[in-house]
Each structure stands twice: as structure tokens, then as C-alpha cells.
Amino acid sequence: MDRERLIEIVSRVFQRGGFKVARVELRGGCFDLVASGLLTLLFVKVATNIDTVTEEQAEDLKRLSKVFKASPLIVGLKTKNSELEEDVIYERFGIYALSPATLYRVIIEGELPAIFAERGGLYVRINGELLRRLREKHGYSVGELASLLGVSRKSILNYEREEGAVSLEVAVRMEEIFDEPIAEPIDVLRAKVEGELKPSKPETPLEKEVFDKLTELGMGVVKVKRAPFNALSKEDEFTILTGIDEKKTRSTVKRAEMVAEVGRIINSGGLFVLEKSKLEVVSEVPLIPKESFEEIKDVDELIELIEDLKNRISAK
């Protein structure tokens, strides 16, 4: 299956599950789809082989997800030379990855997987407190349960403290002994990005000028390399997908159109600052010359300018 067909299938799964979906067609982009559902927002990278997702793409994907309180997700068909197994979760640079079949079960059937792949095999995480209660309820000592499972006493104590994962083989034996599921499901739709991400600096003098101006206006700026926009500019609940270009080209127009589509899904505005341009709007995304942008005094004036340009074009 080629990548275009795969993206189409993934998009249809989300749509069938009631999600609004925006497609981004950007070579080397950090995401291909944005999917928005009730209380759920996802930035999704689709790759035939999940190993082709680069660390730079993953970092951008995590930046986007953190700013918008969304979840990053990778959907693919294989890793290395083997197919992704159904109902198994993989990881790529700390981002959950799964097959289209597993995604279908999550979105359409509401079945969250519990098994994840790591070097050396398949594992699950278990409810340690539940394991302890079941062990005591059935009258097993730590040593007796360890003997039944073929593991050490220390392993049982670690399981009950939830320190480390349990091999799938051991987890299956546990559930056979207690006749009760103890594996914890993995909520791939609500995987939040934890911790601080590496800062990313402006790559051109124009980017630096625009970032400095946005910072001067009191907006936080998060650089994104692999997206239709160059940065996320945020002030309280107001977020702008900010694009930067030397001049208006076909690529600029295409990027602005993608920014507009993504913005509608995630409820964010879009703005492009160009070195040389006239004031205009492409798909509800204003294109502003750097001179006009530099004259803006505060965030409120920036918002008014964006809205005024959009309304002016709509009235024509």
C-alpha cells in the first residue's frame, strides 16, 4: 500500500468515528492530518514504515501537541522489515505508533490496546494494586505466585509496585490463574507530551525579526520546522499559526491554504509575514508585509488587523 492510500484510509477511519479532519500535503512535514473530536485533538503523522519518521519531525509533532494540549500519533504499516501487529502499540521517539487496523479498533470499536512492543518482545503494564489484592484473595504468597509464573520473588514485588513492565507471556499466565484481566489499557488518543522540549532557534534573519517582534508584542513563540507555518505564536488563549516568507509564491499560497484548513480544525488564526508583499488574504489567512507588521503596537492591534483584513476581503 502506498502512502497516499494509507493517508486516505486513516482519514476515513477518523471521519467515520465522528472526527473533523484536515489534511496537510507538505513534503517532509511533521504531521499529515489533524483530527478533532469531542474533547480530543490529535496531530497525526502517517508513514508506511514508522522508522522513516525523523527525530526532527517527532520533536515538531510534540511541540504542536504540547502547545495545543493535543496528542501526537503515528500510524504506519511496518517497522524495520516486519508489519506492525494488530492491537500492539509501538513507539518512535516517545510517540505512540500503531497500525490502521489497531486505529480502527480504537476509534470505531472503542477497544484500547494494552500490549506494547519494546526490544526483546511484547509487554503490558498491569494494575499493581489489583495484582496484590488478587494474590491475597486467592491465598498465594509472593513466593508461591512467583513459582507459578516462573519468575523471581523480586519480580512479583516489582509488579505490585508497578515498577517496570510485564512480559506478555507472564501477563497471560497471570490472567489465566486469576481469571481476571489485569493489564492496563493504553489510551493512545490522550497521550500528553510531558517535560520540556528542546528550543529551536530562528533559521533566517527574517524569521528572527518576526519572532523578536512577536515576543515584543507579548506573545510566546514556538519554532516549528516541519509544518506549513514557521511558528506558533501564543498569548493566553489566542494562538496564531505564523508563516514567514521572502515574497508571495505558489508555495506561499499553498501553505496559507493549509494553514487555513488546519486553523479551522484547531480553532486558531493564521498569519503570514512577507519581506515584500501587499496586504491581502489567502483562504482567510492575511499576508502582511514586514513593514506593516513592524508598526503593530500590541496584540489587540494585531488581532484587529487580522480580522479587518479578513472582513475586507469577505465584503468584496
Protein backbone atom coordinates (compact mmCIF):
# COMPACT_ATOMS: atom_id res chain seq x y z
CA MET A 1 0.00 0.00 0.00
CA ASP A 2 1.42 3.42 -0.93
CA ARG A 3 1.47 6.32 1.48
CA GLU A 4 -1.28 8.34 -0.23
CA ARG A 5 -3.68 5.41 0.01
CA LEU A 6 -2.69 4.92 3.65
CA ILE A 7 -3.39 8.58 4.48
CA GLU A 8 -6.80 8.28 2.82
CA ILE A 9 -7.65 5.18 4.87
CA VAL A 10 -6.55 6.79 8.14
CA SER A 11 -8.56 9.93 7.35
CA ARG A 12 -11.68 7.88 6.66
CA VAL A 13 -11.32 5.99 9.94
CA PHE A 14 -11.31 9.28 11.85
CA GLN A 15 -14.21 10.67 9.84
CA ARG A 16 -16.26 7.53 10.41
CA GLY A 17 -15.55 7.95 14.12
CA GLY A 18 -17.09 11.44 14.05
CA PHE A 19 -13.84 13.42 13.90
CA LYS A 20 -13.31 16.55 11.84
CA VAL A 21 -10.17 16.05 9.75
CA ALA A 22 -7.78 18.44 7.99
CA ARG A 23 -5.17 17.19 5.53
CA VAL A 24 -1.73 18.76 5.15
CA GLU A 25 0.23 17.99 1.98
CA LEU A 26 3.76 19.05 2.82
CA ARG A 27 6.80 17.05 1.79
CA GLY A 28 8.68 16.02 4.92
CA GLY A 29 6.03 17.54 7.18
CA CYS A 30 5.79 16.58 10.85
CA PHE A 31 2.08 15.76 10.52
CA ASP A 32 -0.28 14.79 7.71
CA LEU A 33 -3.65 15.01 9.45
CA VAL A 34 -5.27 16.96 12.24
CA ALA A 35 -8.23 15.13 13.77
CA SER A 36 -10.61 16.86 16.15
CA GLY A 37 -13.30 15.04 18.11
CA LEU A 38 -15.24 15.64 21.29
CA LEU A 39 -12.59 16.54 23.91
CA THR A 40 -9.89 15.01 21.67
CA LEU A 41 -7.37 16.68 19.36
CA LEU A 42 -4.69 14.72 17.50
CA PHE A 43 -1.77 15.62 15.25
CA VAL A 44 -1.17 12.52 13.14
CA LYS A 45 1.89 11.52 11.13
CA VAL A 46 1.27 8.78 8.57
CA ALA A 47 4.26 6.72 7.36
CA THR A 48 4.35 3.38 5.55
CA ASN A 49 7.40 2.49 7.67
CA ILE A 50 7.36 4.21 11.08
CA ASP A 51 11.18 4.14 11.17
CA THR A 52 11.22 6.84 8.48
CA VAL A 53 9.79 9.39 10.94
CA THR A 54 12.79 11.52 11.91
CA GLU A 55 13.66 12.90 15.32
CA GLU A 56 13.17 16.44 13.97
CA GLN A 57 9.66 15.59 12.77
CA ALA A 58 8.88 13.95 16.11
CA GLU A 59 10.11 16.99 18.06
CA ASP A 60 7.91 19.30 15.97
CA LEU A 61 4.97 16.96 16.40
CA LYS A 62 5.46 17.05 20.17
CA ARG A 63 5.79 20.86 20.17
CA LEU A 64 2.47 21.23 18.35
CA SER A 65 0.77 18.77 20.64
CA LYS A 66 2.07 20.44 23.78
CA VAL A 67 1.02 23.96 22.73
CA PHE A 68 -2.48 22.84 21.75
CA LYS A 69 -2.87 20.29 24.57
CA ALA A 70 -3.30 17.64 21.89
CA SER A 71 -1.91 14.14 21.44
CA PRO A 72 0.70 13.16 18.83
CA LEU A 73 0.21 9.89 16.97
CA ILE A 74 1.97 7.91 14.24
CA VAL A 75 0.08 5.47 12.02
CA GLY A 76 2.03 3.07 9.81
CA LEU A 77 2.26 -0.40 8.33
CA LYS A 78 5.65 -1.71 9.37
CA THR A 79 8.82 -1.21 11.37
CA LYS A 80 12.14 -2.39 10.00
CA ASN A 81 11.21 -5.50 7.96
CA SER A 82 8.12 -6.63 9.88
CA GLU A 83 4.50 -5.49 9.82
CA LEU A 84 3.03 -3.73 12.83
CA GLU A 85 0.97 -6.25 14.76
CA GLU A 86 -2.70 -5.61 15.39
CA ASP A 87 -3.60 -4.47 18.93
CA VAL A 88 0.05 -3.70 19.68
CA ILE A 89 1.41 -0.20 20.37
CA TYR A 90 4.88 0.81 19.21
CA GLU A 91 6.90 3.95 19.90
CA ARG A 92 9.01 6.29 17.80
CA PHE A 93 10.93 8.99 19.69
CA GLY A 94 8.42 8.81 22.52
CA ILE A 95 5.31 8.98 20.30
CA TYR A 96 2.81 6.14 20.14
CA ALA A 97 2.64 4.35 16.77
CA LEU A 98 0.06 1.82 15.62
CA SER A 99 -1.36 0.10 12.55
CA PRO A 100 -4.52 1.23 10.70
CA ALA A 101 -6.29 -1.90 11.97
CA THR A 102 -5.44 -1.02 15.58
CA LEU A 103 -6.54 2.57 14.96
CA TYR A 104 -9.87 1.26 13.61
CA ARG A 105 -10.43 -0.78 16.76
CA VAL A 106 -9.67 2.25 18.93
CA ILE A 107 -11.76 4.80 17.01
CA ILE A 108 -14.68 2.73 15.76
CA GLU A 109 -14.93 -0.11 18.26
CA GLY A 110 -13.70 1.73 21.34
CA GLU A 111 -11.16 -1.02 22.15
CA LEU A 112 -7.95 0.32 23.68
CA PRO A 113 -4.88 -1.93 23.27
CA ALA A 114 -2.85 -3.00 26.29
CA ILE A 115 0.18 -4.59 24.60
CA PHE A 116 3.24 -2.59 23.61
CA ALA A 117 6.39 -3.57 21.75
CA GLU A 118 9.89 -2.99 23.07
CA ARG A 119 13.24 -4.51 22.24
CA GLY A 120 13.06 -8.12 23.24
CA GLY A 121 9.35 -8.69 22.81
CA LEU A 122 5.82 -7.69 23.76
CA TYR A 123 4.86 -6.30 27.15
CA VAL A 124 1.98 -4.90 29.18
CA ARG A 125 1.68 -2.71 32.22
CA ILE A 126 -0.51 -4.07 34.97
CA ASN A 127 -2.51 -2.69 37.87
CA GLY A 128 -0.14 -3.49 40.73
CA GLU A 129 -2.69 -2.91 43.49
CA LEU A 130 -5.16 -5.22 41.73
CA LEU A 131 -2.46 -7.89 41.40
CA ARG A 132 -1.71 -7.71 45.13
CA ARG A 133 -5.42 -7.97 46.03
CA LEU A 134 -5.92 -10.95 43.71
CA ARG A 135 -2.85 -12.69 45.05
CA GLU A 136 -4.04 -12.29 48.63
CA LYS A 137 -7.65 -13.17 47.73
CA HIS A 138 -6.51 -16.48 46.19
CA GLY A 139 -4.20 -17.19 49.13
CA TYR A 140 -0.87 -17.06 47.33
CA SER A 141 2.31 -15.84 48.98
CA VAL A 142 4.75 -13.80 46.91
CA GLY A 143 6.99 -16.86 46.57
CA GLU A 144 4.13 -19.18 45.57
CA LEU A 145 2.90 -16.84 42.83
CA ALA A 146 6.47 -16.36 41.61
CA SER A 147 6.87 -20.12 41.33
CA LEU A 148 3.59 -20.49 39.40
CA LEU A 149 4.63 -17.75 36.96
CA GLY A 150 8.24 -18.87 36.64
CA VAL A 151 9.67 -15.54 37.79
CA SER A 152 11.56 -14.33 40.85
CA ARG A 153 10.02 -13.07 44.10
CA LYS A 154 11.59 -9.69 43.35
CA SER A 155 9.73 -9.58 40.03
CA ILE A 156 6.38 -10.10 41.78
CA LEU A 157 7.15 -7.31 44.25
CA ASN A 158 8.15 -5.03 41.36
CA TYR A 159 4.92 -5.85 39.51
CA GLU A 160 2.88 -4.95 42.59
CA ARG A 161 4.75 -1.66 42.92
CA GLU A 162 4.23 -1.05 39.18
CA GLU A 163 7.98 -0.80 38.69
CA GLY A 164 8.58 -1.99 35.14
CA ALA A 165 6.59 -3.79 32.51
CA VAL A 166 5.44 -7.41 32.45
CA SER A 167 6.16 -9.69 29.50
CA LEU A 168 3.07 -10.68 27.56
CA GLU A 169 3.70 -14.35 28.32
CA VAL A 170 3.75 -13.73 32.10
CA ALA A 171 0.71 -11.43 31.92
CA VAL A 172 -1.30 -14.09 30.08
CA ARG A 173 -0.39 -16.67 32.77
CA MET A 174 -1.49 -14.20 35.47
CA GLU A 175 -4.88 -13.74 33.85
CA GLU A 176 -5.29 -17.49 33.48
CA ILE A 177 -4.51 -18.01 37.19
CA PHE A 178 -6.85 -15.27 38.43
CA ASP A 179 -9.42 -15.47 35.61
CA GLU A 180 -9.49 -11.67 35.52
CA PRO A 181 -7.90 -9.02 33.24
CA ILE A 182 -5.16 -7.03 34.96
CA ALA A 183 -3.38 -5.39 32.02
CA GLU A 184 -3.80 -1.60 31.86
CA PRO A 185 -5.16 -0.29 28.53
CA ILE A 186 -3.10 2.34 26.69
CA ASP A 187 -5.12 5.45 25.84
CA VAL A 188 -3.39 6.42 22.61
CA LEU A 189 -5.90 9.24 21.99
CA ARG A 190 -4.94 11.11 25.15
CA ALA A 191 -1.18 10.76 25.29
CA LYS A 192 0.15 14.06 26.55
CA VAL A 193 3.66 15.36 25.96
CA GLU A 194 5.50 15.65 29.25
CA GLY A 195 8.59 17.67 30.13
CA GLU A 196 10.41 20.44 28.33
CA LEU A 197 11.20 20.21 24.64
CA LYS A 198 14.44 21.33 23.05
CA PRO A 199 14.24 25.01 22.00
CA SER A 200 14.53 25.65 18.28
CA LYS A 201 16.12 28.90 17.05
CA PRO A 202 15.20 31.04 14.01
CA GLU A 203 16.84 29.83 10.82
CA THR A 204 16.89 33.08 8.82
CA PRO A 205 17.30 36.80 9.61
CA LEU A 206 13.66 37.38 8.59
CA GLU A 207 12.46 34.67 10.96
CA LYS A 208 14.46 36.26 13.78
CA GLU A 209 12.96 39.70 13.08
CA VAL A 210 9.41 38.31 13.09
CA PHE A 211 10.00 36.20 16.22
CA ASP A 212 11.52 39.19 18.02
CA LYS A 213 8.51 41.34 17.11
CA LEU A 214 6.03 38.71 18.28
CA THR A 215 7.95 38.43 21.55
CA GLU A 216 7.91 42.22 21.87
CA LEU A 217 4.10 42.08 21.49
CA GLY A 218 3.99 39.73 24.48
CA MET A 219 3.41 36.51 22.57
CA GLY A 220 5.20 33.27 23.23
CA VAL A 221 6.86 31.89 20.11
CA VAL A 222 7.45 28.20 19.38
CA LYS A 223 9.51 27.48 16.26
CA VAL A 224 8.28 24.62 14.05
CA LYS A 225 10.45 23.37 11.18
CA ARG A 226 8.33 20.69 9.52
CA ALA A 227 4.92 22.34 9.12
CA PRO A 228 3.14 24.73 6.70
CA PHE A 229 3.83 27.51 9.22
CA ASN A 230 7.13 28.62 10.76
CA ALA A 231 5.97 29.14 14.32
CA LEU A 232 3.15 29.01 16.83
CA SER A 233 2.54 32.41 18.39
CA LYS A 234 0.51 32.32 21.59
CA GLU A 235 -0.89 34.83 24.07
CA ASP A 236 -3.29 33.42 26.67
CA GLU A 237 -5.97 31.58 24.66
CA PHE A 238 -5.14 33.39 21.41
CA THR A 239 -2.92 31.36 19.06
CA ILE A 240 -1.66 32.25 15.59
CA LEU A 241 -0.12 29.84 13.09
CA THR A 242 2.57 32.17 11.78
CA GLY A 243 4.13 31.71 8.35
CA ILE A 244 7.15 33.63 7.08
CA ASP A 245 8.36 34.09 3.51
CA GLU A 246 10.53 36.44 1.46
CA LYS A 247 7.78 37.01 -1.09
CA LYS A 248 4.47 35.57 -2.26
CA THR A 249 4.94 32.43 -4.35
CA ARG A 250 2.83 29.42 -5.28
CA SER A 251 4.35 27.68 -2.28
CA THR A 252 3.27 30.57 -0.03
CA VAL A 253 -0.30 30.35 -1.30
CA LYS A 254 -0.40 26.59 -0.84
CA ARG A 255 0.98 26.87 2.68
CA ALA A 256 -1.54 29.60 3.55
CA GLU A 257 -4.37 27.38 2.30
CA MET A 258 -3.14 24.54 4.51
CA VAL A 259 -2.82 26.89 7.49
CA ALA A 260 -6.43 28.00 6.95
CA GLU A 261 -7.66 24.40 6.86
CA VAL A 262 -5.72 23.41 9.98
CA GLY A 263 -6.79 26.60 11.75
CA ARG A 264 -10.46 25.80 11.21
CA ILE A 265 -9.99 22.41 12.87
CA ILE A 266 -7.99 23.62 15.88
CA ASN A 267 -9.73 26.99 16.20
CA SER A 268 -6.63 29.11 15.59
CA GLY A 269 -5.92 32.08 13.38
CA GLY A 270 -3.30 32.23 10.66
CA LEU A 271 -0.90 34.95 9.54
CA PHE A 272 1.92 35.21 7.00
CA VAL A 273 4.58 37.91 7.24
CA LEU A 274 6.42 38.57 3.97
CA GLU A 275 9.53 40.66 3.31
CA LYS A 276 7.83 42.20 0.30
CA SER A 277 4.10 41.95 -0.35
CA LYS A 278 0.87 43.87 -0.50
CA LEU A 279 -1.82 43.46 2.13
CA GLU A 280 -4.07 40.60 1.03
CA VAL A 281 -5.82 37.47 2.24
CA VAL A 282 -5.43 33.88 1.02
CA SER A 283 -8.12 31.47 2.27
CA GLU A 284 -8.83 33.72 5.28
CA VAL A 285 -5.12 33.94 6.11
CA PRO A 286 -3.76 37.52 5.89
CA LEU A 287 -0.48 38.14 4.07
CA ILE A 288 1.18 41.17 5.67
CA PRO A 289 4.34 42.97 4.51
CA LYS A 290 7.05 43.17 7.15
CA GLU A 291 6.81 46.99 7.23
CA SER A 292 3.14 46.90 8.27
CA PHE A 293 3.80 44.11 10.75
CA GLU A 294 6.58 46.08 12.45
CA GLU A 295 4.21 49.03 13.01
CA ILE A 296 1.85 46.93 15.19
CA LYS A 297 1.97 48.10 18.82
CA ASP A 298 0.25 45.32 20.76
CA VAL A 299 -1.60 42.00 20.46
CA ASP A 300 -5.02 43.66 20.31
CA GLU A 301 -3.92 45.71 17.30
CA LEU A 302 -2.59 42.54 15.65
CA ILE A 303 -5.92 40.78 16.19
CA GLU A 304 -7.82 43.79 14.84
CA LEU A 305 -5.60 43.93 11.75
CA ILE A 306 -6.14 40.23 11.02
CA GLU A 307 -9.92 40.49 11.47
CA ASP A 308 -10.13 43.72 9.46
CA LEU A 309 -8.26 42.19 6.53
CA LYS A 310 -10.45 39.08 6.58
CA ASN A 311 -13.65 41.13 6.73
CA ARG A 312 -12.48 43.46 4.00
CA ILE A 313 -11.88 40.55 1.63
CA SER A 314 -15.18 38.85 2.60
CA ALA A 315 -17.10 42.04 1.81
CA LYS A 316 -15.82 42.12 -1.77
